[in-house]
PDB file of all heavy atoms in Angstrom:
ATOM      1  N   VAL A   1     130.161  58.951 166.834  1.00  0.00           N
ATOM      2  CA  VAL A   1     128.953  59.415 167.623  1.00  0.00           C
ATOM      3  C   VAL A   1     128.251  60.535 166.766  1.00  0.00           C
ATOM      4  O   VAL A   1     128.903  61.449 166.293  1.00  0.00           O
ATOM      5  CB  VAL A   1     129.406  60.081 168.964  1.00  0.00           C
ATOM      6  CG1 VAL A   1     128.227  60.629 169.689  1.00  0.00           C
ATOM      7  CG2 VAL A   1     130.143  59.017 169.765  1.00  0.00           C
ATOM      8  N   ARG A   2     126.969  60.314 166.543  1.00  0.00           N
ATOM      9  CA  ARG A   2     126.232  61.302 165.800  1.00  0.00           C
ATOM     10  C   ARG A   2     125.777  62.448 166.703  1.00  0.00           C
ATOM     11  O   ARG A   2     125.271  62.236 167.839  1.00  0.00           O
ATOM     12  CB  ARG A   2     124.964  60.662 165.181  1.00  0.00           C
ATOM     13  CG  ARG A   2     125.279  59.533 164.118  1.00  0.00           C
ATOM     14  CD  ARG A   2     124.010  59.014 163.502  1.00  0.00           C
ATOM     15  NE  ARG A   2     123.224  60.046 162.851  1.00  0.00           N
ATOM     16  CZ  ARG A   2     122.012  59.878 162.367  1.00  0.00           C
ATOM     17  NH1 ARG A   2     121.401  58.664 162.449  1.00  0.00           N
ATOM     18  NH2 ARG A   2     121.354  60.816 161.742  1.00  0.00           N
ATOM     19  N   GLN A   3     125.892  63.691 166.230  1.00  0.00           N
ATOM     20  CA  GLN A   3     125.543  64.860 166.928  1.00  0.00           C
ATOM     21  C   GLN A   3     126.030  64.855 168.380  1.00  0.00           C
ATOM     22  O   GLN A   3     125.242  64.918 169.361  1.00  0.00           O
ATOM     23  CB  GLN A   3     124.048  65.027 166.869  1.00  0.00           C
ATOM     24  CG  GLN A   3     123.454  65.220 165.442  1.00  0.00           C
ATOM     25  CD  GLN A   3     121.940  65.378 165.468  1.00  0.00           C
ATOM     26  OE1 GLN A   3     121.226  65.003 166.398  1.00  0.00           O
ATOM     27  NE2 GLN A   3     121.476  65.999 164.366  1.00  0.00           N
ATOM     28  N   PRO A   4     127.338  64.812 168.569  1.00  0.00           N
ATOM     29  CA  PRO A   4     127.865  64.740 169.952  1.00  0.00           C
ATOM     30  C   PRO A   4     127.602  66.100 170.727  1.00  0.00           C
ATOM     31  O   PRO A   4     127.672  67.168 170.081  1.00  0.00           O
ATOM     32  CB  PRO A   4     129.369  64.525 169.740  1.00  0.00           C
ATOM     33  CG  PRO A   4     129.645  65.110 168.373  1.00  0.00           C
ATOM     34  CD  PRO A   4     128.394  64.813 167.581  1.00  0.00           C
ATOM     35  N   ARG A   5     127.416  66.004 171.990  1.00  0.00           N
ATOM     36  CA  ARG A   5     127.289  67.182 172.778  1.00  0.00           C
ATOM     37  C   ARG A   5     128.601  67.390 173.549  1.00  0.00           C
ATOM     38  O   ARG A   5     129.134  66.504 174.186  1.00  0.00           O
ATOM     39  CB  ARG A   5     126.130  66.988 173.837  1.00  0.00           C
ATOM     40  CG  ARG A   5     124.748  66.774 173.195  1.00  0.00           C
ATOM     41  CD  ARG A   5     123.692  66.697 174.217  1.00  0.00           C
ATOM     42  NE  ARG A   5     123.537  68.014 174.956  1.00  0.00           N
ATOM     43  CZ  ARG A   5     122.645  68.261 175.868  1.00  0.00           C
ATOM     44  NH1 ARG A   5     121.812  67.301 176.272  1.00  0.00           N
ATOM     45  NH2 ARG A   5     122.594  69.408 176.498  1.00  0.00           N
ATOM     46  N   LEU A   6     129.077  68.623 173.360  1.00  0.00           N
ATOM     47  CA  LEU A   6     130.472  68.928 173.821  1.00  0.00           C
ATOM     48  C   LEU A   6     130.417  70.047 174.891  1.00  0.00           C
ATOM     49  O   LEU A   6     129.506  70.882 174.929  1.00  0.00           O
ATOM     50  CB  LEU A   6     131.364  69.373 172.667  1.00  0.00           C
ATOM     51  CG  LEU A   6     131.522  68.449 171.507  1.00  0.00           C
ATOM     52  CD1 LEU A   6     132.358  69.079 170.400  1.00  0.00           C
ATOM     53  CD2 LEU A   6     132.109  67.125 171.889  1.00  0.00           C
ATOM     54  N   ARG A   7     131.439  70.023 175.755  1.00  0.00           N
ATOM     55  CA  ARG A   7     131.666  71.166 176.599  1.00  0.00           C
ATOM     56  C   ARG A   7     132.457  72.227 175.791  1.00  0.00           C
ATOM     57  O   ARG A   7     133.533  71.976 175.410  1.00  0.00           O
ATOM     58  CB  ARG A   7     132.496  70.764 177.861  1.00  0.00           C
ATOM     59  CG  ARG A   7     131.743  69.903 178.866  1.00  0.00           C
ATOM     60  CD  ARG A   7     132.643  69.624 180.065  1.00  0.00           C
ATOM     61  NE  ARG A   7     133.114  70.900 180.722  1.00  0.00           N
ATOM     62  CZ  ARG A   7     134.056  70.950 181.624  1.00  0.00           C
ATOM     63  NH1 ARG A   7     134.797  69.858 181.875  1.00  0.00           N
ATOM     64  NH2 ARG A   7     134.336  72.087 182.144  1.00  0.00           N
ATOM     65  N   GLU A   8     131.816  73.321 175.512  1.00  0.00           N
ATOM     66  CA  GLU A   8     132.365  74.317 174.545  1.00  0.00           C
ATOM     67  C   GLU A   8     132.867  75.533 175.311  1.00  0.00           C
ATOM     68  O   GLU A   8     132.211  76.055 176.186  1.00  0.00           O
ATOM     69  CB  GLU A   8     131.348  74.732 173.532  1.00  0.00           C
ATOM     70  CG  GLU A   8     130.837  73.546 172.659  1.00  0.00           C
ATOM     71  CD  GLU A   8     129.674  73.891 171.790  1.00  0.00           C
ATOM     72  OE1 GLU A   8     128.830  74.703 172.253  1.00  0.00           O
ATOM     73  OE2 GLU A   8     129.652  73.402 170.675  1.00  0.00           O
ATOM     74  N   ARG A   9     134.005  75.980 174.888  1.00  0.00           N
ATOM     75  CA  ARG A   9     134.590  77.304 175.380  1.00  0.00           C
ATOM     76  C   ARG A   9     134.837  78.100 174.092  1.00  0.00           C
ATOM     77  O   ARG A   9     135.678  77.795 173.255  1.00  0.00           O
ATOM     78  CB  ARG A   9     135.920  77.051 176.177  1.00  0.00           C
ATOM     79  CG  ARG A   9     135.631  76.367 177.554  1.00  0.00           C
ATOM     80  CD  ARG A   9     136.897  76.199 178.348  1.00  0.00           C
ATOM     81  NE  ARG A   9     136.602  75.677 179.659  1.00  0.00           N
ATOM     82  CZ  ARG A   9     137.445  75.161 180.514  1.00  0.00           C
ATOM     83  NH1 ARG A   9     138.688  75.007 180.181  1.00  0.00           N
ATOM     84  NH2 ARG A   9     137.053  74.759 181.699  1.00  0.00           N
ATOM     85  N   PHE A  10     134.111  79.203 173.982  1.00  0.00           N
ATOM     86  CA  PHE A  10     134.041  79.995 172.736  1.00  0.00           C
ATOM     87  C   PHE A  10     135.234  81.024 172.754  1.00  0.00           C
ATOM     88  O   PHE A  10     135.371  81.800 173.667  1.00  0.00           O
ATOM     89  CB  PHE A  10     132.742  80.654 172.571  1.00  0.00           C
ATOM     90  CG  PHE A  10     131.659  79.744 172.324  1.00  0.00           C
ATOM     91  CD1 PHE A  10     130.770  79.359 173.348  1.00  0.00           C
ATOM     92  CD2 PHE A  10     131.416  79.165 171.067  1.00  0.00           C
ATOM     93  CE1 PHE A  10     129.724  78.452 173.153  1.00  0.00           C
ATOM     94  CE2 PHE A  10     130.330  78.288 170.807  1.00  0.00           C
ATOM     95  CZ  PHE A  10     129.505  77.908 171.922  1.00  0.00           C
ATOM     96  N   VAL A  11     136.014  80.968 171.700  1.00  0.00           N
ATOM     97  CA  VAL A  11     137.175  81.869 171.511  1.00  0.00           C
ATOM     98  C   VAL A  11     137.093  82.294 170.008  1.00  0.00           C
ATOM     99  O   VAL A  11     137.558  81.603 169.141  1.00  0.00           O
ATOM    100  CB  VAL A  11     138.527  81.291 171.824  1.00  0.00           C
ATOM    101  CG1 VAL A  11     139.611  82.307 171.664  1.00  0.00           C
ATOM    102  CG2 VAL A  11     138.556  80.711 173.253  1.00  0.00           C
ATOM    103  N   PRO A  12     136.519  83.484 169.754  1.00  0.00           N
ATOM    104  CA  PRO A  12     136.198  83.862 168.320  1.00  0.00           C
ATOM    105  C   PRO A  12     137.389  84.367 167.577  1.00  0.00           C
ATOM    106  O   PRO A  12     137.359  85.516 166.987  1.00  0.00           O
ATOM    107  CB  PRO A  12     135.115  84.889 168.473  1.00  0.00           C
ATOM    108  CG  PRO A  12     135.394  85.520 169.734  1.00  0.00           C
ATOM    109  CD  PRO A  12     135.956  84.437 170.682  1.00  0.00           C
ATOM    110  N   SER A  13     138.474  83.617 167.518  1.00  0.00           N
ATOM    111  CA  SER A  13     139.680  84.040 166.708  1.00  0.00           C
ATOM    112  C   SER A  13     140.495  82.729 166.522  1.00  0.00           C
ATOM    113  O   SER A  13     140.637  81.994 167.513  1.00  0.00           O
ATOM    114  CB  SER A  13     140.454  85.068 167.511  1.00  0.00           C
ATOM    115  OG  SER A  13     141.777  85.178 166.977  1.00  0.00           O
ATOM    116  N   SER A  14     140.995  82.632 165.307  1.00  0.00           N
ATOM    117  CA  SER A  14     141.807  81.440 165.015  1.00  0.00           C
ATOM    118  C   SER A  14     143.060  81.451 165.815  1.00  0.00           C
ATOM    119  O   SER A  14     143.447  80.439 166.430  1.00  0.00           O
ATOM    120  CB  SER A  14     142.104  81.329 163.524  1.00  0.00           C
ATOM    121  OG  SER A  14     140.932  81.204 162.725  1.00  0.00           O
ATOM    122  N   GLU A  15     143.784  82.541 165.758  1.00  0.00           N
ATOM    123  CA  GLU A  15     145.002  82.685 166.495  1.00  0.00           C
ATOM    124  C   GLU A  15     144.781  82.600 168.011  1.00  0.00           C
ATOM    125  O   GLU A  15     145.550  81.943 168.736  1.00  0.00           O
ATOM    126  CB  GLU A  15     145.747  84.015 166.122  1.00  0.00           C
ATOM    127  CG  GLU A  15     146.150  84.105 164.729  1.00  0.00           C
ATOM    128  CD  GLU A  15     145.071  84.843 163.839  1.00  0.00           C
ATOM    129  OE1 GLU A  15     143.913  84.775 164.254  1.00  0.00           O
ATOM    130  OE2 GLU A  15     145.447  85.417 162.858  1.00  0.00           O
ATOM    131  N   ALA A  16     143.807  83.288 168.550  1.00  0.00           N
ATOM    132  CA  ALA A  16     143.502  83.222 169.967  1.00  0.00           C
ATOM    133  C   ALA A  16     143.078  81.839 170.410  1.00  0.00           C
ATOM    134  O   ALA A  16     143.367  81.414 171.483  1.00  0.00           O
ATOM    135  CB  ALA A  16     142.449  84.299 170.302  1.00  0.00           C
ATOM    136  N   GLY A  17     142.321  81.130 169.537  1.00  0.00           N
ATOM    137  CA  GLY A  17     141.883  79.765 169.897  1.00  0.00           C
ATOM    138  C   GLY A  17     143.160  78.892 170.020  1.00  0.00           C
ATOM    139  O   GLY A  17     143.233  78.007 170.937  1.00  0.00           O
ATOM    140  N   ALA A  18     144.143  79.037 169.108  1.00  0.00           N
ATOM    141  CA  ALA A  18     145.321  78.255 169.272  1.00  0.00           C
ATOM    142  C   ALA A  18     146.104  78.678 170.532  1.00  0.00           C
ATOM    143  O   ALA A  18     146.621  77.725 171.244  1.00  0.00           O
ATOM    144  CB  ALA A  18     146.284  78.544 168.017  1.00  0.00           C
ATOM    145  N   ARG A  19     146.145  79.913 170.848  1.00  0.00           N
ATOM    146  CA  ARG A  19     146.784  80.360 172.049  1.00  0.00           C
ATOM    147  C   ARG A  19     146.075  79.760 173.324  1.00  0.00           C
ATOM    148  O   ARG A  19     146.671  79.363 174.292  1.00  0.00           O
ATOM    149  CB  ARG A  19     146.832  81.864 172.099  1.00  0.00           C
ATOM    150  CG  ARG A  19     147.603  82.477 173.364  1.00  0.00           C
ATOM    151  CD  ARG A  19     149.014  82.040 173.338  1.00  0.00           C
ATOM    152  NE  ARG A  19     149.775  82.512 174.489  1.00  0.00           N
ATOM    153  CZ  ARG A  19     150.897  81.996 174.886  1.00  0.00           C
ATOM    154  NH1 ARG A  19     151.464  81.030 174.250  1.00  0.00           N
ATOM    155  NH2 ARG A  19     151.497  82.452 175.969  1.00  0.00           N
ATOM    156  N   ALA A  20     144.721  79.756 173.248  1.00  0.00           N
ATOM    157  CA  ALA A  20     143.929  79.199 174.403  1.00  0.00           C
ATOM    158  C   ALA A  20     144.268  77.764 174.578  1.00  0.00           C
ATOM    159  O   ALA A  20     144.358  77.266 175.716  1.00  0.00           O
ATOM    160  CB  ALA A  20     142.492  79.436 174.153  1.00  0.00           C
ATOM    161  N   ALA A  21     144.535  77.031 173.486  1.00  0.00           N
ATOM    162  CA  ALA A  21     144.838  75.618 173.614  1.00  0.00           C
ATOM    163  C   ALA A  21     146.254  75.487 174.256  1.00  0.00           C
ATOM    164  O   ALA A  21     146.462  74.569 175.081  1.00  0.00           O
ATOM    165  CB  ALA A  21     144.831  74.927 172.214  1.00  0.00           C
ATOM    166  N   VAL A  22     147.211  76.343 173.872  1.00  0.00           N
ATOM    167  CA  VAL A  22     148.522  76.323 174.464  1.00  0.00           C
ATOM    168  C   VAL A  22     148.451  76.562 175.943  1.00  0.00           C
ATOM    169  O   VAL A  22     149.167  75.992 176.767  1.00  0.00           O
ATOM    170  CB  VAL A  22     149.429  77.358 173.787  1.00  0.00           C
ATOM    171  CG1 VAL A  22     150.784  77.563 174.560  1.00  0.00           C
ATOM    172  CG2 VAL A  22     149.744  76.966 172.403  1.00  0.00           C
ATOM    173  N   MET A  23     147.447  77.435 176.358  1.00  0.00           N
ATOM    174  CA  MET A  23     147.289  77.775 177.796  1.00  0.00           C
ATOM    175  C   MET A  23     146.540  76.787 178.578  1.00  0.00           C
ATOM    176  O   MET A  23     146.322  76.868 179.793  1.00  0.00           O
ATOM    177  CB  MET A  23     146.635  79.121 177.844  1.00  0.00           C
ATOM    178  CG  MET A  23     147.469  80.325 177.277  1.00  0.00           C
ATOM    179  SD  MET A  23     146.507  81.829 177.158  1.00  0.00           S
ATOM    180  CE  MET A  23     146.240  82.211 178.905  1.00  0.00           C
ATOM    181  N   GLY A  24     146.097  75.668 177.876  1.00  0.00           N
ATOM    182  CA  GLY A  24     145.402  74.646 178.574  1.00  0.00           C
ATOM    183  C   GLY A  24     143.887  74.800 178.756  1.00  0.00           C
ATOM    184  O   GLY A  24     143.337  74.211 179.646  1.00  0.00           O
ATOM    185  N   TRP A  25     143.256  75.570 177.901  1.00  0.00           N
ATOM    186  CA  TRP A  25     141.834  75.765 177.964  1.00  0.00           C
ATOM    187  C   TRP A  25     141.036  74.608 177.496  1.00  0.00           C
ATOM    188  O   TRP A  25     139.837  74.475 177.829  1.00  0.00           O
ATOM    189  CB  TRP A  25     141.449  77.015 177.202  1.00  0.00           C
ATOM    190  CG  TRP A  25     141.812  78.278 177.913  1.00  0.00           C
ATOM    191  CD1 TRP A  25     142.831  78.502 178.748  1.00  0.00           C
ATOM    192  CD2 TRP A  25     141.144  79.579 177.715  1.00  0.00           C
ATOM    193  NE1 TRP A  25     142.902  79.824 179.097  1.00  0.00           N
ATOM    194  CE2 TRP A  25     141.868  80.512 178.550  1.00  0.00           C
ATOM    195  CE3 TRP A  25     140.037  79.977 177.004  1.00  0.00           C
ATOM    196  CZ2 TRP A  25     141.473  81.839 178.576  1.00  0.00           C
ATOM    197  CZ3 TRP A  25     139.701  81.326 177.061  1.00  0.00           C
ATOM    198  CH2 TRP A  25     140.375  82.240 177.875  1.00  0.00           C
ATOM    199  N   GLY A  26     141.588  73.759 176.691  1.00  0.00           N
ATOM    200  CA  GLY A  26     140.863  72.595 176.185  1.00  0.00           C
ATOM    201  C   GLY A  26     141.507  72.103 174.921  1.00  0.00           C
ATOM    202  O   GLY A  26     142.584  72.501 174.500  1.00  0.00           O
ATOM    203  N   ILE A  27     140.792  71.147 174.296  1.00  0.00           N
ATOM    204  CA  ILE A  27     141.202  70.601 173.003  1.00  0.00           C
ATOM    205  C   ILE A  27     140.698  71.540 171.906  1.00  0.00           C
ATOM    206  O   ILE A  27     139.544  71.992 171.881  1.00  0.00           O
ATOM    207  CB  ILE A  27     140.624  69.201 172.846  1.00  0.00           C
ATOM    208  CG1 ILE A  27     141.234  68.265 173.847  1.00  0.00           C
ATOM    209  CG2 ILE A  27     140.893  68.640 171.436  1.00  0.00           C
ATOM    210  CD1 ILE A  27     140.634  66.852 173.861  1.00  0.00           C
TER     211      ILE A  27
END
């Protein structure tokens, strides 16, 4: 898919983004 539109949840930290994924915030 070219230029896909996504449902985005912004987490401005690499470690916190991984933690958010563990908590079930998204992919």
